[in-house]
Amino acid sequence: MSSQDEQFQAAAPDPAASSTDDGMTWWYRWLCRIAGVLGGMSCAFAGLWNCVTINPLNIAAGVWMMLNAFVLFLCEAPFCCQFIEFANAVSARADKLRPWQKAAFYCGMAVFPVMLSLTLTTLFGNAIAFATGVLYGLSALGKKGDAISYARIHQQQKQMDEEKLTGALEGQA
């Protein structure tokens, strides 16, 4: 086996070890990936458009947005970067991150160009990338419980409160 095949084997994510314990359904995982790819495209186009100016802050924000697009493509769709040797390794590491870590990373990446140069181009260009971070953040919150379990917990808590109240009243008498 060549060294390149060994690198690919090491970088390829193990399907059993992929983040199955994060509580995300398959369709939500795909929604996050598609949002990441769309966010990368919007960052790339808006970043390129933002660089067509003489204002240095706009140029810096545009370059940062194109860097955001590259990172989003690298983490969410490594097949778009198949000619980059380390793309699979970066994608495998990004898949091992918890959803809240991805949320903080993507939202932080999207906010920085907006703080650098507050224009409509930077706002709209980073909106989908920020929304990708929000989607990962929502998945970090976990699944919503059903009404029956909440009613059962509420009933148990109510019984415990009543027992404490009657115990306190009996202790006073």
Protein backbone atom coordinates (compact mmCIF):
# COMPACT_ATOMS: atom_id res chain seq x y z
CA MET A 1 0.00 0.00 0.00
CA SER A 2 1.43 3.39 -0.92
CA SER A 3 1.87 6.23 1.53
CA GLN A 4 -0.89 8.17 -0.18
CA ASP A 5 -3.33 5.27 0.37
CA GLU A 6 -2.28 5.09 4.01
CA GLN A 7 -2.94 8.82 4.42
CA PHE A 8 -6.35 8.41 2.85
CA GLN A 9 -7.18 5.49 5.16
CA ALA A 10 -6.09 7.52 8.19
CA ALA A 11 -8.04 10.57 7.08
CA ALA A 12 -11.23 8.76 6.05
CA PRO A 13 -13.81 8.91 8.83
CA ASP A 14 -14.92 5.63 10.33
CA PRO A 15 -18.68 5.33 9.74
CA ALA A 16 -19.20 3.69 13.12
CA ALA A 17 -17.17 6.35 14.93
CA SER A 18 -18.72 9.29 13.12
CA SER A 19 -20.69 11.53 15.40
CA THR A 20 -23.66 9.23 15.92
CA ASP A 21 -23.89 10.16 19.57
CA ASP A 22 -24.61 13.84 18.86
CA GLY A 23 -28.35 13.20 18.47
CA MET A 24 -28.64 14.57 14.94
CA THR A 25 -30.93 12.80 12.50
CA TRP A 26 -29.66 12.05 9.02
CA TRP A 27 -31.84 14.68 7.37
CA TYR A 28 -30.75 17.39 9.83
CA ARG A 29 -27.10 16.47 9.26
CA TRP A 30 -27.65 16.87 5.50
CA LEU A 31 -29.49 20.15 6.07
CA CYS A 32 -26.47 21.46 7.99
CA ARG A 33 -24.09 20.28 5.27
CA ILE A 34 -26.16 21.86 2.49
CA ALA A 35 -26.40 25.09 4.47
CA GLY A 36 -22.61 24.99 4.89
CA VAL A 37 -22.07 24.60 1.14
CA LEU A 38 -24.55 27.38 0.35
CA GLY A 39 -22.91 29.54 3.00
CA GLY A 40 -19.54 28.89 1.41
CA MET A 41 -20.84 29.90 -2.00
CA SER A 42 -22.43 33.08 -0.67
CA CYS A 43 -19.26 33.99 1.23
CA ALA A 44 -17.13 33.39 -1.88
CA PHE A 45 -19.27 35.49 -4.21
CA ALA A 46 -19.85 38.29 -1.72
CA GLY A 47 -16.18 38.25 -0.71
CA LEU A 48 -15.08 38.58 -4.33
CA TRP A 49 -17.58 41.40 -4.85
CA ASN A 50 -16.40 43.07 -1.64
CA CYS A 51 -12.79 43.09 -2.90
CA VAL A 52 -13.71 45.24 -5.89
CA THR A 53 -13.21 48.53 -4.05
CA ILE A 54 -10.50 50.90 -2.86
CA ASN A 55 -11.46 50.78 0.81
CA PRO A 56 -8.88 48.61 2.61
CA LEU A 57 -11.34 47.41 5.27
CA ASN A 58 -13.71 46.16 2.58
CA ILE A 59 -10.85 44.34 0.89
CA ALA A 60 -9.80 42.76 4.19
CA ALA A 61 -13.40 41.70 4.89
CA GLY A 62 -13.68 40.28 1.37
CA VAL A 63 -10.49 38.26 1.75
CA TRP A 64 -11.70 36.97 5.12
CA MET A 65 -15.03 36.01 3.56
CA MET A 66 -13.26 34.04 0.83
CA LEU A 67 -11.21 32.33 3.53
CA ASN A 68 -14.49 31.51 5.31
CA ALA A 69 -15.80 30.01 2.08
CA PHE A 70 -12.70 27.84 1.75
CA VAL A 71 -13.00 26.61 5.35
CA LEU A 72 -16.72 25.88 4.93
CA PHE A 73 -16.05 23.91 1.75
CA LEU A 74 -13.17 22.09 3.40
CA CYS A 75 -15.21 21.09 6.48
CA GLU A 76 -18.64 20.46 4.98
CA ALA A 77 -17.91 19.33 1.42
CA PRO A 78 -14.36 18.00 1.06
CA PHE A 79 -15.19 16.60 -2.39
CA CYS A 80 -15.11 20.22 -3.62
CA CYS A 81 -11.46 20.38 -2.53
CA GLN A 82 -10.35 16.98 -3.81
CA PHE A 83 -7.07 18.28 -5.22
CA ILE A 84 -5.92 19.52 -1.82
CA GLU A 85 -3.98 16.79 -0.03
CA PHE A 86 -5.13 17.57 3.51
CA ALA A 87 -8.83 18.07 2.69
CA ASN A 88 -9.93 14.65 3.91
CA ALA A 89 -7.95 14.95 7.12
CA VAL A 90 -9.49 18.35 7.92
CA SER A 91 -12.96 17.07 7.11
CA ALA A 92 -12.47 14.03 9.34
CA ARG A 93 -11.39 16.25 12.22
CA ALA A 94 -14.31 18.60 11.63
CA ASP A 95 -16.71 15.64 11.71
CA LYS A 96 -15.37 14.68 15.13
CA LEU A 97 -16.18 18.11 16.59
CA ARG A 98 -19.29 18.46 18.70
CA PRO A 99 -22.15 20.50 17.24
CA TRP A 100 -21.69 23.37 19.71
CA GLN A 101 -18.02 23.64 18.72
CA LYS A 102 -18.94 23.84 15.04
CA ALA A 103 -21.63 26.40 15.90
CA ALA A 104 -19.19 28.63 17.75
CA PHE A 105 -16.57 28.29 15.01
CA TYR A 106 -18.93 29.02 12.09
CA CYS A 107 -20.71 31.89 13.82
CA GLY A 108 -17.41 33.43 14.89
CA MET A 109 -16.05 33.13 11.36
CA ALA A 110 -19.14 34.83 9.96
CA VAL A 111 -19.24 37.67 12.48
CA PHE A 112 -15.64 38.83 12.05
CA PRO A 113 -15.98 40.28 8.50
CA VAL A 114 -19.20 42.04 9.52
CA MET A 115 -17.37 43.69 12.42
CA LEU A 116 -14.51 44.57 10.09
CA SER A 117 -16.69 46.26 7.48
CA LEU A 118 -20.41 46.68 8.10
CA THR A 119 -21.92 46.75 4.63
CA LEU A 120 -24.86 44.99 3.01
CA THR A 121 -22.47 42.79 1.06
CA THR A 122 -20.80 41.47 4.19
CA LEU A 123 -24.13 41.09 5.99
CA PHE A 124 -25.84 39.14 3.22
CA GLY A 125 -22.70 37.25 2.28
CA ASN A 126 -22.19 35.92 5.79
CA ALA A 127 -25.86 35.36 6.62
CA ILE A 128 -26.01 31.77 5.39
CA ALA A 129 -22.66 30.91 6.97
CA PHE A 130 -23.97 32.29 10.26
CA ALA A 131 -27.21 30.34 9.76
CA THR A 132 -25.11 27.17 9.40
CA GLY A 133 -23.62 27.88 12.81
CA VAL A 134 -27.09 28.48 14.22
CA LEU A 135 -28.29 25.14 12.82
CA TYR A 136 -25.39 23.36 14.49
CA GLY A 137 -26.11 25.27 17.70
CA LEU A 138 -29.73 24.16 17.65
CA SER A 139 -28.65 20.57 17.23
CA ALA A 140 -26.40 20.98 20.27
CA LEU A 141 -29.46 21.77 22.37
CA GLY A 142 -30.77 18.27 21.76
CA LYS A 143 -34.11 16.79 20.92
CA LYS A 144 -37.32 18.18 22.29
CA GLY A 145 -39.00 15.91 24.81
CA ASP A 146 -42.53 14.63 24.43
CA ALA A 147 -45.48 16.01 26.38
CA ILE A 148 -46.04 12.79 28.32
CA SER A 149 -42.59 12.78 29.92
CA TYR A 150 -42.88 16.49 30.78
CA ALA A 151 -46.31 15.90 32.36
CA ARG A 152 -44.90 12.97 34.36
CA ILE A 153 -41.97 15.06 35.62
CA HIS A 154 -44.32 17.92 36.49
CA GLN A 155 -46.63 15.53 38.37
CA GLN A 156 -43.73 14.05 40.35
CA GLN A 157 -42.44 17.51 41.22
CA LYS A 158 -45.93 18.56 42.33
CA GLN A 159 -46.24 15.49 44.57
CA MET A 160 -42.83 16.18 46.13
CA ASP A 161 -43.82 19.79 46.82
CA GLU A 162 -47.08 18.66 48.45
CA GLU A 163 -45.21 16.11 50.59
CA LYS A 164 -42.76 18.78 51.73
CA LEU A 165 -45.61 21.15 52.53
CA THR A 166 -47.57 18.53 54.53
CA GLY A 167 -44.39 17.45 56.32
CA ALA A 168 -43.69 21.05 57.30
CA LEU A 169 -47.27 21.56 58.51
CA GLU A 170 -47.20 18.33 60.56
CA GLY A 171 -43.91 19.39 62.10
CA GLN A 172 -45.47 22.66 63.30
CA ALA A 173 -48.50 20.98 64.94
